[in-house]
Amino acid sequence: MVLPISFPRLSTAGLVATFFLFSATAQAEQAKEILFAAITQGHASAELTGEQATAWKKKTGSNEPILVEAKVLSRFKQPECAKLGVKMTQAKVPKKEGGTGPLEVGWGMNLCTDGLPPAESVDWSKAPQSEVKINKVSSQ
């Protein structure tokens, strides 16, 4: 179950500490659970577990928890659709120059709870179109 958490202005250290405080109770096997909860509740965060977490940890070289936070930045006219701000954080990630430190990755995305982007956020005229080839079939 993903729980909504309200964050007033917090420093990065305060935010990381808050993540660790709540990560013991809120977990999600897939990031989409957190994203969908944020669309519904306005904000959600949890520790990512399962295969996605295993793959992330293998890439980063850290076994620390992966904390995911998502919040609604704006809503679309289409029901259950929003522009989300998403942030993934992990501590003790090895650095190229030696030692370890926190890794924080953030991005924005348009998403609906059905897993698709909102129709109004996609300009289909600019989407790449694959060439359609028609094979002629000779009659017998």
Protein backbone atom coordinates (compact mmCIF):
# COMPACT_ATOMS: atom_id res chain seq x y z
CA MET A 1 0.00 0.00 0.00
CA VAL A 2 1.32 3.42 -0.90
CA LEU A 3 0.67 6.19 1.61
CA PRO A 4 0.41 9.88 0.74
CA ILE A 5 2.87 12.11 2.55
CA SER A 6 2.64 15.88 2.71
CA PHE A 7 5.98 17.68 2.52
CA PRO A 8 6.26 21.34 3.35
CA ARG A 9 9.53 22.94 2.25
CA LEU A 10 12.26 20.61 3.42
CA SER A 11 15.98 20.58 2.92
CA THR A 12 17.48 17.68 0.99
CA ALA A 13 18.77 16.15 4.23
CA GLY A 14 15.35 16.54 5.82
CA LEU A 15 13.69 14.98 2.80
CA VAL A 16 16.02 11.98 2.84
CA ALA A 17 15.45 11.56 6.59
CA THR A 18 11.68 11.72 6.01
CA PHE A 19 11.98 9.05 3.31
CA PHE A 20 13.83 6.74 5.69
CA LEU A 21 11.24 7.34 8.39
CA PHE A 22 8.32 6.34 6.16
CA SER A 23 9.98 3.73 3.95
CA ALA A 24 9.52 1.02 6.58
CA THR A 25 5.72 1.19 6.24
CA ALA A 26 5.22 2.17 2.59
CA GLN A 27 6.56 -0.21 -0.04
CA ALA A 28 5.77 -0.82 -3.69
CA GLU A 29 6.93 -3.67 -5.92
CA GLN A 30 6.56 -1.52 -9.03
CA ALA A 31 7.07 2.21 -9.48
CA LYS A 32 3.73 2.49 -11.27
CA GLU A 33 1.95 1.77 -7.97
CA ILE A 34 3.48 4.95 -6.56
CA LEU A 35 2.73 6.96 -9.71
CA PHE A 36 -0.92 5.86 -9.80
CA ALA A 37 -1.32 6.59 -6.07
CA ALA A 38 0.07 10.09 -6.63
CA ILE A 39 -2.43 10.74 -9.43
CA THR A 40 -5.29 9.69 -7.15
CA GLN A 41 -4.03 11.28 -3.91
CA GLY A 42 -1.96 14.23 -5.16
CA HIS A 43 1.28 12.88 -3.67
CA ALA A 44 2.75 9.49 -2.79
CA SER A 45 6.08 8.02 -1.77
CA ALA A 46 7.37 4.57 -0.94
CA GLU A 47 10.37 2.30 -0.98
CA LEU A 48 10.66 0.45 -4.29
CA THR A 49 10.99 -3.32 -3.85
CA GLY A 50 10.83 -6.30 -6.18
CA GLU A 51 12.44 -6.78 -9.59
CA GLN A 52 12.62 -3.07 -10.42
CA ALA A 53 14.54 -2.39 -7.20
CA THR A 54 16.88 -5.32 -7.84
CA ALA A 55 17.67 -4.05 -11.35
CA TRP A 56 18.23 -0.47 -10.06
CA LYS A 57 20.55 -1.70 -7.28
CA LYS A 58 22.54 -3.78 -9.77
CA LYS A 59 23.04 -0.68 -11.95
CA THR A 60 24.02 1.64 -9.10
CA GLY A 61 26.14 -0.79 -7.08
CA SER A 62 24.35 0.14 -3.84
CA ASN A 63 22.12 -2.14 -1.76
CA GLU A 64 20.46 0.79 0.02
CA PRO A 65 16.68 1.25 -0.34
CA ILE A 66 15.36 3.07 -3.42
CA LEU A 67 12.93 5.76 -2.39
CA VAL A 68 10.39 6.99 -4.93
CA GLU A 69 8.35 10.16 -4.55
CA ALA A 70 5.74 11.38 -7.02
CA LYS A 71 3.54 14.45 -6.85
CA VAL A 72 0.95 16.01 -9.12
CA LEU A 73 2.25 19.17 -10.77
CA SER A 74 -0.94 19.78 -12.76
CA ARG A 75 -4.05 17.92 -13.85
CA PHE A 76 -5.51 17.31 -17.30
CA LYS A 77 -9.16 17.59 -18.30
CA GLN A 78 -9.18 13.84 -18.84
CA PRO A 79 -10.17 12.13 -15.55
CA GLU A 80 -7.43 10.39 -13.55
CA CYS A 81 -4.64 12.00 -15.61
CA ALA A 82 -1.88 14.32 -14.39
CA LYS A 83 1.55 15.76 -15.02
CA LEU A 84 3.77 14.21 -12.35
CA GLY A 85 7.08 15.20 -10.85
CA VAL A 86 8.94 12.00 -9.97
CA LYS A 87 12.10 11.59 -7.91
CA MET A 88 14.07 8.43 -7.08
CA THR A 89 16.71 8.58 -4.36
CA GLN A 90 19.27 6.04 -3.15
CA ALA A 91 22.06 6.44 -0.58
CA LYS A 92 25.62 5.09 -0.60
CA VAL A 93 26.02 4.89 -4.39
CA PRO A 94 29.68 4.44 -5.40
CA LYS A 95 31.20 7.51 -7.08
CA LYS A 96 33.68 7.41 -9.98
CA GLU A 97 36.22 9.40 -7.96
CA GLY A 98 35.88 7.07 -4.98
CA GLY A 99 33.68 6.95 -1.93
CA THR A 100 29.91 6.88 -1.93
CA GLY A 101 27.11 9.41 -1.90
CA PRO A 102 23.41 9.84 -2.55
CA LEU A 103 22.00 9.47 -6.06
CA GLU A 104 18.90 11.47 -6.95
CA VAL A 105 17.17 11.18 -10.31
CA GLY A 106 14.13 13.25 -11.20
CA TRP A 107 11.88 13.74 -14.18
CA GLY A 108 8.38 14.81 -15.21
CA MET A 109 5.81 12.73 -17.02
CA ASN A 110 2.21 12.87 -18.20
CA LEU A 111 0.30 9.78 -17.06
CA CYS A 112 -3.18 8.40 -16.47
CA THR A 113 -4.11 5.61 -14.08
CA ASP A 114 -4.73 3.34 -17.10
CA GLY A 115 -0.99 3.53 -17.82
CA LEU A 116 -1.31 5.69 -20.95
CA PRO A 117 -0.48 9.36 -21.44
CA PRO A 118 -3.42 11.79 -21.45
CA ALA A 119 -4.84 12.19 -24.97
CA GLU A 120 -4.61 15.99 -24.75
CA SER A 121 -0.89 15.85 -23.94
CA VAL A 122 0.09 14.05 -27.14
CA ASP A 123 0.45 15.89 -30.45
CA TRP A 124 -0.02 12.97 -32.82
CA SER A 125 0.90 15.12 -35.82
CA LYS A 126 4.49 15.25 -34.50
CA ALA A 127 4.71 11.57 -33.59
CA PRO A 128 7.03 9.55 -35.82
CA GLN A 129 5.06 7.55 -38.34
CA SER A 130 6.42 4.31 -39.69
CA GLU A 131 6.12 3.81 -43.41
CA VAL A 132 3.16 1.64 -44.32
CA LYS A 133 3.94 -0.98 -46.95
CA ILE A 134 1.18 -2.72 -48.80
CA ASN A 135 1.94 -6.11 -50.22
CA LYS A 136 0.03 -6.90 -53.39
CA VAL A 137 -1.43 -10.35 -53.49
CA SER A 138 -1.83 -11.84 -56.89
CA SER A 139 -5.09 -13.58 -57.52
CA GLN A 140 -5.09 -17.29 -58.30
